[in-house]
């Protein structure tokens, strides 16, 4: 069995969707039978036959997983449920079955146009936007939503929020992905979107905060921690120059954490103390200062 197929089927088994896929996989036929059927035409399977095929696949997968060449792939992160369901739906559609309509129930309802309009509504905060991104991701529509946001940002280069929303959508897609080139490209695209937003409005708190937060999670080999710290420091100065908002406490918390990770305990403590002075009810900062 090809390794890619094995990984896919392993994921399908874990989601309980293998039986649905097996009904539309091409079965082996003799030469005469193949002449009478079109390639890829689905062959109905009875319940007992499905169970036999399922057991056969499980045996093959078990044998494959014990093979030496499978070791690196067993350590890789599997497909998420949304990705698996998207693949299942594609397989069903290629099978040309009347059961395609029923397969759509595998995915949660998601209205792309309505959700896109909701993102553009004034007053939408990060939590509201994140909820929309997560629904799109669960429905296998995050790429479609990103495409619309990308076009909007391109058509409206002077609108700060268009760049911020695009950057946040990229980061939402990265969440849960295994480390690799694709995740790196998406994270870099998000950072570029935030840079465009900050070029338009250097004091846009959310754009700089999410940029700094994202940079703090980059692998050490890329040296992004220093840039994350620099952006958090800029935010501190910006916050101290105006009225306080509840979200501002996160800047003190995260900046202190970064200094602590670098072994700069005195700097970390100084940041947390400054944060607690401005947010005296924050128990997390108080706890960090006790440790």
C-alpha atoms as a PDB file:
ATOM      1  CA  UNK A   1       0.000   0.000   0.000  1.00  0.00           C
ATOM      2  CA  UNK A   2       1.357   3.460  -0.836  1.00  0.00           C
ATOM      3  CA  UNK A   3       2.368   5.386   2.266  1.00  0.00           C
ATOM      4  CA  UNK A   4       0.165   8.426   1.483  1.00  0.00           C
ATOM      5  CA  UNK A   5      -2.892   6.208   1.080  1.00  0.00           C
ATOM      6  CA  UNK A   6      -2.051   4.399   4.299  1.00  0.00           C
ATOM      7  CA  UNK A   7      -1.936   7.654   6.264  1.00  0.00           C
ATOM      8  CA  UNK A   8      -5.244   8.800   4.775  1.00  0.00           C
ATOM      9  CA  UNK A   9      -6.969   5.520   5.587  1.00  0.00           C
ATOM     10  CA  UNK A  10      -5.560   5.520   9.098  1.00  0.00           C
ATOM     11  CA  UNK A  11      -7.106   8.957   9.629  1.00  0.00           C
ATOM     12  CA  UNK A  12     -10.390   7.827   8.123  1.00  0.00           C
ATOM     13  CA  UNK A  13     -10.487   4.809  10.405  1.00  0.00           C
ATOM     14  CA  UNK A  14      -9.981   7.023  13.431  1.00  0.00           C
ATOM     15  CA  UNK A  15     -12.928   9.201  12.412  1.00  0.00           C
ATOM     16  CA  UNK A  16     -15.255   6.291  11.703  1.00  0.00           C
ATOM     17  CA  UNK A  17     -15.604   7.218   8.037  1.00  0.00           C
ATOM     18  CA  UNK A  18     -13.886   4.298   6.328  1.00  0.00           C
ATOM     19  CA  UNK A  19     -17.081   2.401   5.616  1.00  0.00           C
ATOM     20  CA  UNK A  20     -18.506   5.370   3.730  1.00  0.00           C
ATOM     21  CA  UNK A  21     -15.391   5.660   1.559  1.00  0.00           C
ATOM     22  CA  UNK A  22     -15.098   1.947   0.840  1.00  0.00           C
ATOM     23  CA  UNK A  23     -18.471   1.922  -0.904  1.00  0.00           C
ATOM     24  CA  UNK A  24     -17.052   4.143  -3.632  1.00  0.00           C
ATOM     25  CA  UNK A  25     -13.520   2.789  -3.996  1.00  0.00           C
ATOM     26  CA  UNK A  26     -12.925   0.883  -7.264  1.00  0.00           C
ATOM     27  CA  UNK A  27     -12.936  -2.883  -6.691  1.00  0.00           C
ATOM     28  CA  UNK A  28     -10.725  -5.404  -8.492  1.00  0.00           C
ATOM     29  CA  UNK A  29     -12.374  -6.889 -11.597  1.00  0.00           C
ATOM     30  CA  UNK A  30     -11.531  -9.399 -14.281  1.00  0.00           C
ATOM     31  CA  UNK A  31     -10.748  -8.174 -17.772  1.00  0.00           C
ATOM     32  CA  UNK A  32     -14.282  -8.976 -19.011  1.00  0.00           C
ATOM     33  CA  UNK A  33     -15.901  -7.224 -16.054  1.00  0.00           C
ATOM     34  CA  UNK A  34     -13.728  -4.170 -16.546  1.00  0.00           C
ATOM     35  CA  UNK A  35     -14.895  -3.886 -20.167  1.00  0.00           C
ATOM     36  CA  UNK A  36     -18.517  -3.763 -19.009  1.00  0.00           C
ATOM     37  CA  UNK A  37     -17.999  -1.040 -16.400  1.00  0.00           C
ATOM     38  CA  UNK A  38     -16.594   2.461 -16.678  1.00  0.00           C
ATOM     39  CA  UNK A  39     -13.400   3.103 -14.768  1.00  0.00           C
ATOM     40  CA  UNK A  40     -14.141   4.501 -11.317  1.00  0.00           C
ATOM     41  CA  UNK A  41     -17.851   3.525 -11.396  1.00  0.00           C
ATOM     42  CA  UNK A  42     -18.958   2.750  -7.814  1.00  0.00           C
ATOM     43  CA  UNK A  43     -19.896  -0.802  -6.971  1.00  0.00           C
ATOM     44  CA  UNK A  44     -22.520  -1.266  -4.240  1.00  0.00           C
ATOM     45  CA  UNK A  45     -21.234  -3.243  -1.272  1.00  0.00           C
ATOM     46  CA  UNK A  46     -23.341  -5.171   1.203  1.00  0.00           C
ATOM     47  CA  UNK A  47     -22.823  -4.732   4.924  1.00  0.00           C
ATOM     48  CA  UNK A  48     -20.893  -8.007   5.246  1.00  0.00           C
ATOM     49  CA  UNK A  49     -18.677  -7.115   2.272  1.00  0.00           C
ATOM     50  CA  UNK A  50     -17.931  -3.680   3.770  1.00  0.00           C
ATOM     51  CA  UNK A  51     -16.936  -5.338   7.028  1.00  0.00           C
ATOM     52  CA  UNK A  52     -14.653  -7.772   5.182  1.00  0.00           C
ATOM     53  CA  UNK A  53     -12.976  -4.940   3.295  1.00  0.00           C
ATOM     54  CA  UNK A  54     -12.615  -2.942   6.501  1.00  0.00           C
ATOM     55  CA  UNK A  55     -10.984  -5.865   8.313  1.00  0.00           C
ATOM     56  CA  UNK A  56      -8.683  -6.477   5.361  1.00  0.00           C
ATOM     57  CA  UNK A  57      -7.587  -2.827   5.330  1.00  0.00           C
ATOM     58  CA  UNK A  58      -7.017  -2.852   9.072  1.00  0.00           C
ATOM     59  CA  UNK A  59      -4.765  -5.902   8.718  1.00  0.00           C
ATOM     60  CA  UNK A  60      -2.786  -4.246   5.939  1.00  0.00           C
ATOM     61  CA  UNK A  61      -2.477  -1.016   7.861  1.00  0.00           C
ATOM     62  CA  UNK A  62      -1.294  -2.899  10.928  1.00  0.00           C
ATOM     63  CA  UNK A  63       1.359  -4.675   8.860  1.00  0.00           C
ATOM     64  CA  UNK A  64       2.414  -1.417   7.201  1.00  0.00           C
ATOM     65  CA  UNK A  65       2.761   0.388  10.514  1.00  0.00           C
ATOM     66  CA  UNK A  66       5.227  -2.268  11.679  1.00  0.00           C
ATOM     67  CA  UNK A  67       7.410  -1.786   8.610  1.00  0.00           C
ATOM     68  CA  UNK A  68      10.693   0.185   9.105  1.00  0.00           C
ATOM     69  CA  UNK A  69       9.847   2.681   6.366  1.00  0.00           C
ATOM     70  CA  UNK A  70       6.706   3.699   8.242  1.00  0.00           C
ATOM     71  CA  UNK A  71       8.580   4.943  11.330  1.00  0.00           C
ATOM     72  CA  UNK A  72       9.025   8.600  10.263  1.00  0.00           C
ATOM     73  CA  UNK A  73       5.421   8.806   9.103  1.00  0.00           C
ATOM     74  CA  UNK A  74       4.015   7.340  12.309  1.00  0.00           C
ATOM     75  CA  UNK A  75       5.626  10.234  14.127  1.00  0.00           C
ATOM     76  CA  UNK A  76       4.052  12.824  11.840  1.00  0.00           C
ATOM     77  CA  UNK A  77       0.851  14.530  12.860  1.00  0.00           C
ATOM     78  CA  UNK A  78      -2.238  13.094  11.175  1.00  0.00           C
ATOM     79  CA  UNK A  79      -4.955  14.873   9.292  1.00  0.00           C
ATOM     80  CA  UNK A  80      -7.511  16.813  11.275  1.00  0.00           C
ATOM     81  CA  UNK A  81     -11.186  15.900  11.161  1.00  0.00           C
ATOM     82  CA  UNK A  82     -12.070  18.807   8.891  1.00  0.00           C
ATOM     83  CA  UNK A  83      -9.405  17.806   6.351  1.00  0.00           C
ATOM     84  CA  UNK A  84     -10.488  14.162   6.468  1.00  0.00           C
ATOM     85  CA  UNK A  85     -14.135  15.036   5.913  1.00  0.00           C
ATOM     86  CA  UNK A  86     -13.187  17.319   3.025  1.00  0.00           C
ATOM     87  CA  UNK A  87     -11.265  14.436   1.397  1.00  0.00           C
ATOM     88  CA  UNK A  88     -14.183  12.064   1.959  1.00  0.00           C
ATOM     89  CA  UNK A  89     -16.583  14.480   0.306  1.00  0.00           C
ATOM     90  CA  UNK A  90     -14.250  14.849  -2.680  1.00  0.00           C
ATOM     91  CA  UNK A  91     -14.015  11.072  -3.028  1.00  0.00           C
ATOM     92  CA  UNK A  92     -17.777  10.728  -2.914  1.00  0.00           C
ATOM     93  CA  UNK A  93     -18.252  13.423  -5.553  1.00  0.00           C
ATOM     94  CA  UNK A  94     -15.726  11.737  -7.846  1.00  0.00           C
ATOM     95  CA  UNK A  95     -17.665   8.509  -7.408  1.00  0.00           C
ATOM     96  CA  UNK A  96     -20.707  10.172  -8.963  1.00  0.00           C
ATOM     97  CA  UNK A  97     -23.053   8.655  -6.398  1.00  0.00           C
ATOM     98  CA  UNK A  98     -26.492   9.883  -5.446  1.00  0.00           C
ATOM     99  CA  UNK A  99     -25.219   9.709  -1.859  1.00  0.00           C
ATOM    100  CA  UNK A 100     -23.119  12.844  -2.371  1.00  0.00           C
ATOM    101  CA  UNK A 101     -25.950  14.949  -0.986  1.00  0.00           C
ATOM    102  CA  UNK A 102     -26.002  12.872   2.157  1.00  0.00           C
ATOM    103  CA  UNK A 103     -22.242  13.194   2.523  1.00  0.00           C
ATOM    104  CA  UNK A 104     -22.578  16.961   2.916  1.00  0.00           C
ATOM    105  CA  UNK A 105     -23.935  16.279   6.385  1.00  0.00           C
ATOM    106  CA  UNK A 106     -20.413  15.275   7.385  1.00  0.00           C
ATOM    107  CA  UNK A 107     -19.484  18.959   7.337  1.00  0.00           C
ATOM    108  CA  UNK A 108     -21.007  21.624   9.583  1.00  0.00           C
ATOM    109  CA  UNK A 109     -23.209  24.224   7.918  1.00  0.00           C
ATOM    110  CA  UNK A 110     -21.245  27.275   6.842  1.00  0.00           C
ATOM    111  CA  UNK A 111     -22.456  30.215   4.758  1.00  0.00           C
ATOM    112  CA  UNK A 112     -19.336  31.673   3.137  1.00  0.00           C
ATOM    113  CA  UNK A 113     -20.916  34.920   1.924  1.00  0.00           C
ATOM    114  CA  UNK A 114     -22.724  35.563   5.191  1.00  0.00           C
ATOM    115  CA  UNK A 115     -19.610  34.855   7.244  1.00  0.00           C
ATOM    116  CA  UNK A 116     -17.519  37.115   5.029  1.00  0.00           C
ATOM    117  CA  UNK A 117     -20.054  39.913   5.524  1.00  0.00           C
ATOM    118  CA  UNK A 118     -19.953  39.367   9.284  1.00  0.00           C
ATOM    119  CA  UNK A 119     -16.187  39.820   9.254  1.00  0.00           C
ATOM    120  CA  UNK A 120     -16.644  43.245   7.661  1.00  0.00           C
ATOM    121  CA  UNK A 121     -19.152  44.465  10.241  1.00  0.00           C
ATOM    122  CA  UNK A 122     -17.954  47.369  12.364  1.00  0.00           C
ATOM    123  CA  UNK A 123     -17.150  46.552  15.967  1.00  0.00           C
ATOM    124  CA  UNK A 124     -16.111  42.947  15.369  1.00  0.00           C
ATOM    125  CA  UNK A 125     -13.466  42.036  17.924  1.00  0.00           C
ATOM    126  CA  UNK A 126     -10.805  39.345  17.743  1.00  0.00           C
ATOM    127  CA  UNK A 127     -12.953  36.765  19.534  1.00  0.00           C
ATOM    128  CA  UNK A 128     -15.854  37.250  17.119  1.00  0.00           C
ATOM    129  CA  UNK A 129     -13.565  37.014  14.098  1.00  0.00           C
ATOM    130  CA  UNK A 130     -11.774  33.990  15.516  1.00  0.00           C
ATOM    131  CA  UNK A 131     -15.104  32.202  15.935  1.00  0.00           C
ATOM    132  CA  UNK A 132     -15.871  32.786  12.252  1.00  0.00           C
ATOM    133  CA  UNK A 133     -12.432  31.544  11.208  1.00  0.00           C
ATOM    134  CA  UNK A 134     -12.846  28.391  13.296  1.00  0.00           C
ATOM    135  CA  UNK A 135     -16.263  27.648  11.749  1.00  0.00           C
ATOM    136  CA  UNK A 136     -14.763  28.095   8.283  1.00  0.00           C
ATOM    137  CA  UNK A 137     -11.909  25.766   9.154  1.00  0.00           C
ATOM    138  CA  UNK A 138     -14.227  23.109  10.567  1.00  0.00           C
ATOM    139  CA  UNK A 139     -16.322  23.267   7.399  1.00  0.00           C
ATOM    140  CA  UNK A 140     -13.307  22.987   5.108  1.00  0.00           C
ATOM    141  CA  UNK A 141     -13.887  26.545   3.871  1.00  0.00           C
ATOM    142  CA  UNK A 142     -10.931  28.372   5.394  1.00  0.00           C
ATOM    143  CA  UNK A 143      -9.109  28.563   2.032  1.00  0.00           C
ATOM    144  CA  UNK A 144     -12.190  30.026   0.351  1.00  0.00           C
ATOM    145  CA  UNK A 145     -12.539  32.598   3.117  1.00  0.00           C
ATOM    146  CA  UNK A 146      -8.844  33.483   2.907  1.00  0.00           C
ATOM    147  CA  UNK A 147      -9.188  33.946  -0.860  1.00  0.00           C
ATOM    148  CA  UNK A 148     -11.993  36.472  -0.335  1.00  0.00           C
ATOM    149  CA  UNK A 149     -10.046  38.312   2.377  1.00  0.00           C
ATOM    150  CA  UNK A 150      -6.943  38.332   0.190  1.00  0.00           C
ATOM    151  CA  UNK A 151      -8.887  39.878  -2.679  1.00  0.00           C
ATOM    152  CA  UNK A 152     -10.402  42.451  -0.345  1.00  0.00           C
ATOM    153  CA  UNK A 153      -6.975  43.422   0.987  1.00  0.00           C
ATOM    154  CA  UNK A 154      -5.688  43.729  -2.583  1.00  0.00           C
ATOM    155  CA  UNK A 155      -8.642  45.862  -3.671  1.00  0.00           C
ATOM    156  CA  UNK A 156      -8.454  48.052  -0.558  1.00  0.00           C
ATOM    157  CA  UNK A 157      -4.733  48.534   0.220  1.00  0.00           C
ATOM    158  CA  UNK A 158      -5.448  51.633   2.342  1.00  0.00           C
ATOM    159  CA  UNK A 159      -7.890  49.887   4.729  1.00  0.00           C
ATOM    160  CA  UNK A 160      -6.030  48.774   7.842  1.00  0.00           C
ATOM    161  CA  UNK A 161      -8.633  46.241   8.979  1.00  0.00           C
ATOM    162  CA  UNK A 162      -8.505  44.462   5.616  1.00  0.00           C
ATOM    163  CA  UNK A 163      -4.828  43.674   6.218  1.00  0.00           C
ATOM    164  CA  UNK A 164      -5.354  42.705   9.878  1.00  0.00           C
ATOM    165  CA  UNK A 165      -8.210  40.315   9.112  1.00  0.00           C
ATOM    166  CA  UNK A 166      -6.195  38.639   6.356  1.00  0.00           C
ATOM    167  CA  UNK A 167      -3.248  38.157   8.715  1.00  0.00           C
ATOM    168  CA  UNK A 168      -5.487  36.650  11.375  1.00  0.00           C
ATOM    169  CA  UNK A 169      -7.046  34.265   8.849  1.00  0.00           C
ATOM    170  CA  UNK A 170      -3.584  33.024   7.820  1.00  0.00           C
ATOM    171  CA  UNK A 171      -2.714  32.372  11.467  1.00  0.00           C
ATOM    172  CA  UNK A 172      -5.950  30.502  12.050  1.00  0.00           C
ATOM    173  CA  UNK A 173      -5.063  28.150   9.212  1.00  0.00           C
ATOM    174  CA  UNK A 174      -1.582  27.615  10.672  1.00  0.00           C
ATOM    175  CA  UNK A 175      -3.049  26.593  14.039  1.00  0.00           C
ATOM    176  CA  UNK A 176      -2.888  22.835  14.402  1.00  0.00           C
ATOM    177  CA  UNK A 177      -0.641  22.321  11.362  1.00  0.00           C
ATOM    178  CA  UNK A 178       2.554  20.276  11.812  1.00  0.00           C
ATOM    179  CA  UNK A 179       5.799  22.285  11.527  1.00  0.00           C
ATOM    180  CA  UNK A 180       6.954  22.518   7.947  1.00  0.00           C
ATOM    181  CA  UNK A 181       7.324  24.715   4.851  1.00  0.00           C
ATOM    182  CA  UNK A 182       3.584  25.322   4.412  1.00  0.00           C
ATOM    183  CA  UNK A 183       3.136  26.491   7.996  1.00  0.00           C
ATOM    184  CA  UNK A 184       6.182  28.727   7.617  1.00  0.00           C
ATOM    185  CA  UNK A 185       4.876  30.319   4.425  1.00  0.00           C
ATOM    186  CA  UNK A 186       1.491  31.023   6.005  1.00  0.00           C
ATOM    187  CA  UNK A 187       3.081  32.535   9.115  1.00  0.00           C
ATOM    188  CA  UNK A 188       5.293  34.729   6.914  1.00  0.00           C
ATOM    189  CA  UNK A 189       2.244  35.830   4.886  1.00  0.00           C
ATOM    190  CA  UNK A 190       0.450  36.753   8.119  1.00  0.00           C
ATOM    191  CA  UNK A 191       3.445  38.773   9.300  1.00  0.00           C
ATOM    192  CA  UNK A 192       3.544  40.608   5.971  1.00  0.00           C
ATOM    193  CA  UNK A 193      -0.151  41.475   6.287  1.00  0.00           C
ATOM    194  CA  UNK A 194       0.406  42.904   9.777  1.00  0.00           C
ATOM    195  CA  UNK A 195       3.362  44.931   8.491  1.00  0.00           C
ATOM    196  CA  UNK A 196       1.115  46.454   5.826  1.00  0.00           C
ATOM    197  CA  UNK A 197      -1.436  47.342   8.498  1.00  0.00           C
ATOM    198  CA  UNK A 198       1.211  48.951  10.716  1.00  0.00           C
ATOM    199  CA  UNK A 199       2.607  50.905   7.769  1.00  0.00           C
ATOM    200  CA  UNK A 200      -0.845  52.465   7.467  1.00  0.00           C
ATOM    201  CA  UNK A 201      -1.336  52.896  11.215  1.00  0.00           C
ATOM    202  CA  UNK A 202       1.762  52.383  13.412  1.00  0.00           C
ATOM    203  CA  UNK A 203      -0.398  52.625  16.549  1.00  0.00           C
ATOM    204  CA  UNK A 204      -2.860  49.887  15.585  1.00  0.00           C
ATOM    205  CA  UNK A 205      -2.710  47.898  18.817  1.00  0.00           C
ATOM    206  CA  UNK A 206      -4.234  44.646  17.559  1.00  0.00           C
ATOM    207  CA  UNK A 207      -2.021  44.423  14.468  1.00  0.00           C
ATOM    208  CA  UNK A 208       1.166  44.900  16.496  1.00  0.00           C
ATOM    209  CA  UNK A 209       0.030  42.644  19.332  1.00  0.00           C
ATOM    210  CA  UNK A 210      -0.889  39.690  17.100  1.00  0.00           C
ATOM    211  CA  UNK A 211       2.295  40.218  15.076  1.00  0.00           C
ATOM    212  CA  UNK A 212       4.413  40.108  18.261  1.00  0.00           C
ATOM    213  CA  UNK A 213       2.516  37.118  19.605  1.00  0.00           C
ATOM    214  CA  UNK A 214       2.986  35.220  16.337  1.00  0.00           C
ATOM    215  CA  UNK A 215       6.710  35.992  16.209  1.00  0.00           C
ATOM    216  CA  UNK A 216       7.160  34.705  19.748  1.00  0.00           C
ATOM    217  CA  UNK A 217       6.147  31.222  18.570  1.00  0.00           C
ATOM    218  CA  UNK A 218       8.621  30.997  15.685  1.00  0.00           C
ATOM    219  CA  UNK A 219      11.364  28.358  16.163  1.00  0.00           C
ATOM    220  CA  UNK A 220      14.515  29.821  17.821  1.00  0.00           C
ATOM    221  CA  UNK A 221      16.608  29.124  14.692  1.00  0.00           C
ATOM    222  CA  UNK A 222      14.835  32.017  12.906  1.00  0.00           C
ATOM    223  CA  UNK A 223      15.759  34.556  15.594  1.00  0.00           C
ATOM    224  CA  UNK A 224      12.283  36.085  15.765  1.00  0.00           C
ATOM    225  CA  UNK A 225      12.184  36.379  19.576  1.00  0.00           C
ATOM    226  CA  UNK A 226      14.093  39.672  19.521  1.00  0.00           C
ATOM    227  CA  UNK A 227      11.633  41.135  17.031  1.00  0.00           C
ATOM    228  CA  UNK A 228       8.729  39.935  19.166  1.00  0.00           C
ATOM    229  CA  UNK A 229      10.231  41.634  22.224  1.00  0.00           C
ATOM    230  CA  UNK A 230      10.791  44.845  20.266  1.00  0.00           C
ATOM    231  CA  UNK A 231       7.147  44.960  19.207  1.00  0.00           C
ATOM    232  CA  UNK A 232       5.905  44.253  22.735  1.00  0.00           C
ATOM    233  CA  UNK A 233       8.137  47.063  24.031  1.00  0.00           C
ATOM    234  CA  UNK A 234       6.606  49.434  21.494  1.00  0.00           C
ATOM    235  CA  UNK A 235       3.164  48.373  22.692  1.00  0.00           C
ATOM    236  CA  UNK A 236       4.082  49.085  26.321  1.00  0.00           C
ATOM    237  CA  UNK A 237       5.092  52.644  25.513  1.00  0.00           C
ATOM    238  CA  UNK A 238       1.943  53.084  23.439  1.00  0.00           C
ATOM    239  CA  UNK A 239      -0.273  51.703  26.209  1.00  0.00           C
ATOM    240  CA  UNK A 240       1.304  53.888  28.894  1.00  0.00           C
ATOM    241  CA  UNK A 241       0.566  57.000  26.839  1.00  0.00           C
ATOM    242  CA  UNK A 242      -3.203  56.480  26.842  1.00  0.00           C
ATOM    243  CA  UNK A 243      -6.139  55.103  28.818  1.00  0.00           C
ATOM    244  CA  UNK A 244      -5.891  51.499  29.966  1.00  0.00           C
ATOM    245  CA  UNK A 245      -7.887  48.677  28.363  1.00  0.00           C
ATOM    246  CA  UNK A 246      -8.352  45.150  29.794  1.00  0.00           C
ATOM    247  CA  UNK A 247      -6.432  43.506  26.924  1.00  0.00           C
ATOM    248  CA  UNK A 248      -3.321  45.563  27.691  1.00  0.00           C
ATOM    249  CA  UNK A 249      -2.390  43.276  30.581  1.00  0.00           C
ATOM    250  CA  UNK A 250      -1.431  40.594  28.042  1.00  0.00           C
ATOM    251  CA  UNK A 251       1.461  42.732  26.811  1.00  0.00           C
ATOM    252  CA  UNK A 252       3.029  42.753  30.282  1.00  0.00           C
ATOM    253  CA  UNK A 253       2.441  39.049  30.730  1.00  0.00           C
ATOM    254  CA  UNK A 254       3.876  37.947  27.392  1.00  0.00           C
ATOM    255  CA  UNK A 255       6.819  40.332  27.352  1.00  0.00           C
ATOM    256  CA  UNK A 256       7.787  39.187  30.845  1.00  0.00           C
ATOM    257  CA  UNK A 257       7.520  35.580  29.687  1.00  0.00           C
ATOM    258  CA  UNK A 258       9.904  36.217  26.790  1.00  0.00           C
ATOM    259  CA  UNK A 259      12.489  37.817  29.057  1.00  0.00           C
ATOM    260  CA  UNK A 260      12.110  34.926  31.495  1.00  0.00           C
ATOM    261  CA  UNK A 261      12.706  32.396  28.691  1.00  0.00           C
ATOM    262  CA  UNK A 262      15.946  34.233  27.859  1.00  0.00           C
ATOM    263  CA  UNK A 263      17.131  33.898  31.452  1.00  0.00           C
ATOM    264  CA  UNK A 264      16.606  37.614  32.160  1.00  0.00           C
ATOM    265  CA  UNK A 265      14.702  37.119  35.405  1.00  0.00           C
ATOM    266  CA  UNK A 266      15.221  40.697  36.635  1.00  0.00           C
ATOM    267  CA  UNK A 267      13.785  42.200  33.460  1.00  0.00           C
ATOM    268  CA  UNK A 268      10.869  39.789  33.514  1.00  0.00           C
ATOM    269  CA  UNK A 269      10.084  40.655  37.122  1.00  0.00           C
ATOM    270  CA  UNK A 270      10.264  44.370  36.388  1.00  0.00           C
ATOM    271  CA  UNK A 271       7.756  44.002  33.536  1.00  0.00           C
ATOM    272  CA  UNK A 272       5.348  41.908  35.617  1.00  0.00           C
ATOM    273  CA  UNK A 273       5.547  44.381  38.505  1.00  0.00           C
ATOM    274  CA  UNK A 274       4.725  47.245  36.161  1.00  0.00           C
ATOM    275  CA  UNK A 275       1.788  45.245  34.836  1.00  0.00           C
ATOM    276  CA  UNK A 276       0.472  44.431  38.305  1.00  0.00           C
ATOM    277  CA  UNK A 277       0.685  48.108  39.256  1.00  0.00           C
ATOM    278  CA  UNK A 278      -1.641  48.958  36.378  1.00  0.00           C
ATOM    279  CA  UNK A 279      -3.769  45.798  36.716  1.00  0.00           C
ATOM    280  CA  UNK A 280      -3.761  45.040  40.467  1.00  0.00           C
ATOM    281  CA  UNK A 281      -6.521  42.421  40.206  1.00  0.00           C
ATOM    282  CA  UNK A 282      -4.635  40.183  37.786  1.00  0.00           C
ATOM    283  CA  UNK A 283      -3.939  36.987  39.727  1.00  0.00           C
ATOM    284  CA  UNK A 284      -1.708  35.489  37.049  1.00  0.00           C
ATOM    285  CA  UNK A 285       0.810  38.352  37.295  1.00  0.00           C
ATOM    286  CA  UNK A 286       0.685  38.111  41.067  1.00  0.00           C
ATOM    287  CA  UNK A 287       1.400  34.376  40.856  1.00  0.00           C
ATOM    288  CA  UNK A 288       4.375  34.898  38.536  1.00  0.00           C
ATOM    289  CA  UNK A 289       5.886  37.377  40.958  1.00  0.00           C
ATOM    290  CA  UNK A 290       5.529  34.912  43.827  1.00  0.00           C
ATOM    291  CA  UNK A 291       7.418  32.171  41.951  1.00  0.00           C
END
